[in-house]
Protein backbone atom coordinates (compact mmCIF):
# COMPACT_ATOMS: atom_id res chain seq x y z
CA UNK A 1 42.23 65.34 29.02
CA UNK A 2 39.99 63.49 26.42
CA UNK A 3 43.11 61.55 25.41
CA UNK A 4 43.53 60.44 28.96
CA UNK A 5 39.71 59.43 29.25
CA UNK A 6 40.10 57.30 26.20
CA UNK A 7 42.97 55.64 27.49
CA UNK A 8 41.09 54.81 30.75
CA UNK A 9 38.06 53.49 28.99
CA UNK A 10 39.72 50.12 28.21
CA UNK A 11 40.91 49.71 31.68
CA UNK A 12 37.38 50.55 33.14
CA UNK A 13 35.98 47.94 30.86
CA UNK A 14 38.39 45.35 31.81
CA UNK A 15 37.64 45.87 35.64
CA UNK A 16 34.10 45.99 35.27
CA UNK A 17 34.16 42.65 33.22
CA UNK A 18 36.51 41.12 35.84
CA UNK A 19 33.98 42.43 38.64
CA UNK A 20 31.06 40.87 36.94
CA UNK A 21 32.94 37.57 36.46
CA UNK A 22 33.84 37.44 40.09
CA UNK A 23 30.42 38.15 41.21
CA UNK A 24 29.24 35.34 38.90
CA UNK A 25 31.51 32.81 40.49
CA UNK A 26 30.51 34.03 43.90
CA UNK A 27 26.81 33.56 43.09
CA UNK A 28 27.48 30.09 41.51
CA UNK A 29 29.53 28.98 44.65
CA UNK A 30 27.31 30.40 47.42
CA UNK A 31 25.85 26.85 48.22
CA UNK A 32 29.40 25.58 48.70
CA UNK A 33 32.06 26.19 51.42
CA UNK A 34 35.58 27.33 50.65
CA UNK A 35 36.75 24.21 52.56
CA UNK A 36 35.25 21.94 49.92
CA UNK A 37 37.21 23.75 47.18
CA UNK A 38 40.41 23.54 49.23
CA UNK A 39 39.82 19.98 50.01
CA UNK A 40 39.35 19.12 46.26
CA UNK A 41 42.54 21.03 45.52
CA UNK A 42 44.54 19.14 48.15
CA UNK A 43 43.37 15.71 47.10
CA UNK A 44 44.23 16.01 43.38
CA UNK A 45 46.47 12.73 42.86
CA UNK A 46 50.15 13.58 42.85
CA UNK A 47 50.67 11.76 39.55
CA UNK A 48 48.13 13.86 38.05
CA UNK A 49 49.78 16.96 39.02
CA UNK A 50 53.15 15.76 37.76
CA UNK A 51 51.56 15.03 34.41
CA UNK A 52 50.09 18.37 34.33
CA UNK A 53 53.24 19.97 34.94
CA UNK A 54 54.99 17.79 32.01
CA UNK A 55 52.19 18.97 29.94
CA UNK A 56 52.83 22.64 30.80
CA UNK A 57 56.40 22.28 29.89
CA UNK A 58 55.42 20.54 26.53
CA UNK A 59 52.96 23.48 25.83
CA UNK A 60 55.31 26.43 26.59
CA UNK A 61 57.99 24.53 24.62
CA UNK A 62 55.56 24.54 21.52
CA UNK A 63 54.77 28.19 22.05
CA UNK A 64 57.90 29.05 20.82
CA UNK A 65 56.92 27.58 17.42
CA UNK A 66 55.12 31.03 16.80
CA UNK A 67 58.37 33.01 16.88
CA UNK A 68 60.44 30.25 15.05
CA UNK A 69 57.74 30.58 12.31
CA UNK A 70 58.01 34.22 12.47
CA UNK A 71 61.82 34.32 11.99
CA UNK A 72 61.21 32.18 8.84
CA UNK A 73 58.65 34.80 7.65
CA UNK A 74 60.81 37.95 8.40
CA UNK A 75 64.04 36.07 6.84
CA UNK A 76 66.24 36.53 9.80
CA UNK A 77 68.65 34.21 11.31
CA UNK A 78 69.00 33.77 15.01
CA UNK A 79 70.17 30.90 17.29
CA UNK A 80 67.23 28.76 18.05
CA UNK A 81 67.97 28.91 21.80
CA UNK A 82 67.82 32.62 21.88
CA UNK A 83 64.48 32.63 19.98
CA UNK A 84 62.98 30.05 22.33
CA UNK A 85 64.45 31.84 25.28
CA UNK A 86 62.58 35.16 24.32
CA UNK A 87 59.55 33.54 23.35
CA UNK A 88 59.32 31.39 26.49
CA UNK A 89 59.65 34.58 28.63
CA UNK A 90 57.40 36.57 26.60
CA UNK A 91 54.58 34.02 26.72
CA UNK A 92 55.25 33.12 30.42
CA UNK A 93 55.07 36.78 31.31
CA UNK A 94 52.10 37.80 29.14
CA UNK A 95 49.80 34.80 29.75
CA UNK A 96 49.81 35.59 33.45
CA UNK A 97 50.21 39.52 33.72
CA UNK A 98 48.02 40.00 30.49
CA UNK A 99 48.24 42.69 27.97
CA UNK A 100 50.32 40.67 25.81
CA UNK A 101 50.44 43.40 23.21
CA UNK A 102 52.43 45.42 25.56
CA UNK A 103 54.25 43.02 27.85
CA UNK A 104 55.45 40.39 25.19
CA UNK A 105 56.24 43.50 22.79
CA UNK A 106 58.62 45.03 25.31
CA UNK A 107 60.39 41.65 25.87
CA UNK A 108 60.96 40.92 22.30
CA UNK A 109 62.01 44.40 21.52
CA UNK A 110 64.68 44.11 24.46
CA UNK A 111 66.00 40.73 23.80
CA UNK A 112 65.91 40.49 19.81
CA UNK A 113 67.31 44.27 19.60
CA UNK A 114 70.05 43.11 21.88
CA UNK A 115 70.76 40.21 19.58
CA UNK A 116 71.13 42.31 16.50
CA UNK A 117 67.53 42.24 15.07
CA UNK A 118 66.38 45.70 13.70
CA UNK A 119 63.49 47.36 15.08
CA UNK A 120 61.60 47.14 11.74
CA UNK A 121 61.99 43.30 11.66
CA UNK A 122 61.19 43.11 15.29
CA UNK A 123 57.87 44.92 14.67
CA UNK A 124 57.25 42.86 11.71
CA UNK A 125 57.55 39.59 13.97
CA UNK A 126 55.41 41.01 16.76
CA UNK A 127 52.72 41.68 14.20
CA UNK A 128 53.10 38.13 12.79
CA UNK A 129 52.96 36.44 16.09
CA UNK A 130 49.70 38.48 17.00
CA UNK A 131 48.00 37.98 13.86
CA UNK A 132 48.72 34.34 13.34
CA UNK A 133 47.84 33.81 16.97
CA UNK A 134 44.38 35.09 16.29
CA UNK A 135 44.17 33.10 13.06
CA UNK A 136 44.83 29.98 15.03
CA UNK A 137 42.37 31.10 17.65
CA UNK A 138 39.59 31.76 15.09
CA UNK A 139 40.35 28.37 13.20
CA UNK A 140 40.41 25.94 15.93
CA UNK A 141 37.38 27.82 17.76
CA UNK A 142 35.46 27.80 14.65
CA UNK A 143 35.95 24.08 14.08
CA UNK A 144 35.15 23.10 17.56
CA UNK A 145 32.01 25.35 17.39
CA UNK A 146 30.73 23.81 14.29
CA UNK A 147 31.59 20.17 15.62
CA UNK A 148 30.47 20.58 19.29
CA UNK A 149 26.68 20.62 19.81
CA UNK A 150 27.27 22.73 22.96
CA UNK A 151 24.48 24.98 24.24
CA UNK A 152 25.38 28.44 25.78
CA UNK A 153 23.83 28.99 29.03
CA UNK A 154 21.39 32.01 29.27
CA UNK A 155 23.88 34.00 31.75
CA UNK A 156 26.19 34.50 28.43
CA UNK A 157 24.22 37.09 26.87
CA UNK A 158 24.49 36.34 22.92
CA UNK A 159 21.72 36.39 20.33
CA UNK A 160 21.78 32.80 19.81
CA UNK A 161 21.75 29.63 22.10
CA UNK A 162 24.13 27.38 20.12
CA UNK A 163 27.73 27.94 19.55
CA UNK A 164 27.33 26.96 15.88
CA UNK A 165 26.94 30.43 14.50
CA UNK A 166 30.21 31.34 16.22
CA UNK A 167 31.81 28.63 14.25
CA UNK A 168 30.68 30.14 10.97
CA UNK A 169 31.82 33.74 12.03
CA UNK A 170 35.24 32.74 12.99
CA UNK A 171 35.89 30.56 10.12
CA UNK A 172 34.67 33.20 7.93
CA UNK A 173 37.40 35.58 9.17
CA UNK A 174 40.02 32.89 8.58
CA UNK A 175 38.74 32.52 4.91
CA UNK A 176 39.09 36.20 4.53
CA UNK A 177 42.69 36.09 5.92
CA UNK A 178 43.73 33.45 3.42
CA UNK A 179 42.13 35.29 0.40
CA UNK A 180 44.18 38.23 1.57
CA UNK A 181 47.36 36.17 1.83
CA UNK A 182 47.06 35.00 -1.89
CA UNK A 183 45.92 38.15 -3.32
CA UNK A 184 47.95 40.75 -1.69
CA UNK A 185 51.44 40.59 -3.56
CA UNK A 186 52.92 44.08 -2.83
CA UNK A 187 55.13 44.67 0.28
CA UNK A 188 56.12 47.68 2.35
CA UNK A 189 59.74 48.95 2.41
CA UNK A 190 61.38 50.86 5.18
CA UNK A 191 64.82 51.62 4.07
CA UNK A 192 66.66 48.08 3.44
CA UNK A 193 63.95 46.32 5.42
CA UNK A 194 60.77 44.95 3.53
CA UNK A 195 57.58 43.84 5.26
CA UNK A 196 55.39 41.25 3.41
CA UNK A 197 52.32 39.26 3.93
CA UNK A 198 52.95 35.73 5.39
CA UNK A 199 52.77 32.93 3.09
CA UNK A 200 49.97 30.56 3.32
CA UNK A 201 52.09 27.67 4.21
CA UNK A 202 53.61 29.67 7.18
CA UNK A 203 50.10 30.64 8.43
CA UNK A 204 48.71 26.98 8.16
CA UNK A 205 52.01 25.87 10.25
CA UNK A 206 50.87 28.57 12.83
CA UNK A 207 47.29 27.16 12.87
CA UNK A 208 48.70 23.58 13.57
CA UNK A 209 50.98 25.24 16.57
CA UNK A 210 47.72 26.85 18.00
CA UNK A 211 45.83 23.46 17.84
CA UNK A 212 48.53 21.44 19.70
CA UNK A 213 49.41 24.28 21.88
CA UNK A 214 45.58 24.54 23.06
CA UNK A 215 45.25 20.70 23.27
CA UNK A 216 48.11 20.52 25.79
CA UNK A 217 46.81 23.54 27.58
CA UNK A 218 43.26 21.66 27.94
CA UNK A 219 45.20 18.48 28.85
CA UNK A 220 46.60 20.22 31.76
CA UNK A 221 43.35 21.21 33.20
CA UNK A 222 41.72 17.97 32.18
CA UNK A 223 44.23 16.22 34.41
CA UNK A 224 43.41 18.26 37.38
CA UNK A 225 39.60 17.44 37.08
CA UNK A 226 37.80 14.73 39.01
CA UNK A 227 38.95 11.30 37.75
CA UNK A 228 35.50 9.67 38.52
CA UNK A 229 33.60 11.53 35.99
CA UNK A 230 33.14 9.85 32.51
CA UNK A 231 33.82 13.14 30.67
CA UNK A 232 35.53 12.67 27.40
CA UNK A 233 38.68 14.44 26.45
CA UNK A 234 36.88 15.78 23.08
CA UNK A 235 33.85 16.88 25.04
CA UNK A 236 35.78 18.85 27.51
CA UNK A 237 38.02 20.37 24.77
CA UNK A 238 34.91 22.26 23.44
CA UNK A 239 33.99 23.85 26.71
CA UNK A 240 37.66 24.75 27.31
CA UNK A 241 37.99 26.34 23.88
CA UNK A 242 34.74 28.38 24.43
CA UNK A 243 36.04 29.47 27.81
CA UNK A 244 39.37 30.40 26.46
CA UNK A 245 38.23 32.12 23.48
CA UNK A 246 36.02 34.26 25.75
CA UNK A 247 39.05 34.99 27.96
CA UNK A 248 41.01 36.08 25.15
CA UNK A 249 38.42 38.33 23.63
CA UNK A 250 37.85 39.95 27.21
CA UNK A 251 41.44 41.09 27.34
CA UNK A 252 41.29 40.64 31.10
CA UNK A 253 44.97 39.59 32.29
CA UNK A 254 45.10 35.86 31.76
CA UNK A 255 41.50 35.84 31.21
CA UNK A 256 41.32 35.53 34.84
CA UNK A 257 37.60 35.43 36.25
CA UNK A 258 36.10 35.29 32.64
CA UNK A 259 37.63 31.89 31.84
CA UNK A 260 36.74 30.55 35.16
CA UNK A 261 33.06 31.80 34.82
CA UNK A 262 32.44 30.04 31.55
CA UNK A 263 34.09 27.05 32.71
CA UNK A 264 31.78 26.99 35.75
CA UNK A 265 28.62 27.52 33.77
CA UNK A 266 29.44 25.07 30.97
CA UNK A 267 30.70 22.37 33.11
CA UNK A 268 28.99 18.86 32.98
CA UNK A 269 26.53 18.16 35.68
CA UNK A 270 28.79 15.28 36.85
CA UNK A 271 31.46 17.84 38.22
CA UNK A 272 30.42 19.97 41.09
CA UNK A 273 31.28 23.49 41.48
CA UNK A 274 33.87 23.12 43.94
CA UNK A 275 35.45 20.51 42.14
CA UNK A 276 35.73 22.51 38.97
CA UNK A 277 36.91 25.57 40.94
CA UNK A 278 39.66 23.44 42.75
CA UNK A 279 40.75 22.09 39.50
CA UNK A 280 40.98 25.62 37.86
CA UNK A 281 42.97 26.93 40.87
CA UNK A 282 45.32 24.03 40.43
CA UNK A 283 45.45 24.96 36.79
CA UNK A 284 46.25 28.69 37.33
CA UNK A 285 49.23 27.44 39.57
CA UNK A 286 50.57 24.85 37.25
CA UNK A 287 50.05 26.60 33.92
CA UNK A 288 50.50 30.00 34.69
CA UNK A 289 52.40 31.06 37.89
CA UNK A 290 55.08 28.13 37.65
CA UNK A 291 56.29 29.38 34.00
CA UNK A 292 56.16 32.92 35.38
CA UNK A 293 58.65 32.20 38.25
CA UNK A 294 60.83 30.29 35.98
CA UNK A 295 60.67 33.11 33.48
CA UNK A 296 61.57 35.70 36.27
CA UNK A 297 64.64 33.41 37.23
CA UNK A 298 65.71 33.37 33.70
CA UNK A 299 65.44 37.11 33.24
CA UNK A 300 67.73 37.43 36.48
CA UNK A 301 70.23 35.08 35.25
CA UNK A 302 70.34 36.49 31.75
CA UNK A 303 70.72 40.04 33.25
CA UNK A 304 73.50 38.82 35.61
CA UNK A 305 75.37 37.31 32.70
CA UNK A 306 75.16 40.35 30.50
CA UNK A 307 76.61 42.45 33.28
CA UNK A 308 79.61 40.13 33.81
């Protein structure tokens, strides 16, 4: 019984966090109508929607870099197409459904195992992708927090008003990671398989992948926001990174609700709440649901091929 309760606690926490986020969004939009949000959504220029879709394609293509670097780290050979196929499905499903530690893990175990990679090496790859992703998250977020003079609104309950302290905290974790990567030389052996700490050069490559990955993702939302506002991409990127980090840390599927709440509260005064929410809805459709649909189609095609 106690074990079941411990398993349910994270779920309850996520539900509470999601509910609070929805209440915050509702409170922010009380003075606006749903029609104004929908009207903005429909009036986004078609060319901006097309460019946002192209950025999404580039972004998901770049995400496969995590797995490609992972295969270099675990010293295994597999066709690049198979790695990209598995990585795309993993991220497309994980980004939308959430709980990537489970959904992405199951997908990688299925396909990489199907193509002859041992379970130990798949486990090492999964650990690598998760650790280096958070390494990239802390690196990019830390730099942005130090460079961007963004002030946190009172609704975000933190013991400091500026995001600068977050920058020092995040980069502190990154420094500790690289110290460990240089000093830890021993490896773990499981039969013929060996698990080692990622080399610093591979970790740096992962940070670069994360930076470009997030840059493209931010570009998608930036293209879907009002074109009449004089909002620089650099200024917007700082807001986006803070919101995205909050969404990831919350562990709510896709950061749904949490990401939107932070974006709404940190948006520039020149962007009205309905415009921001309309852009966020379009962003969810283009960057999350379109890749998910493509991934599901690819899964069906691959399953059909394997049976024939």
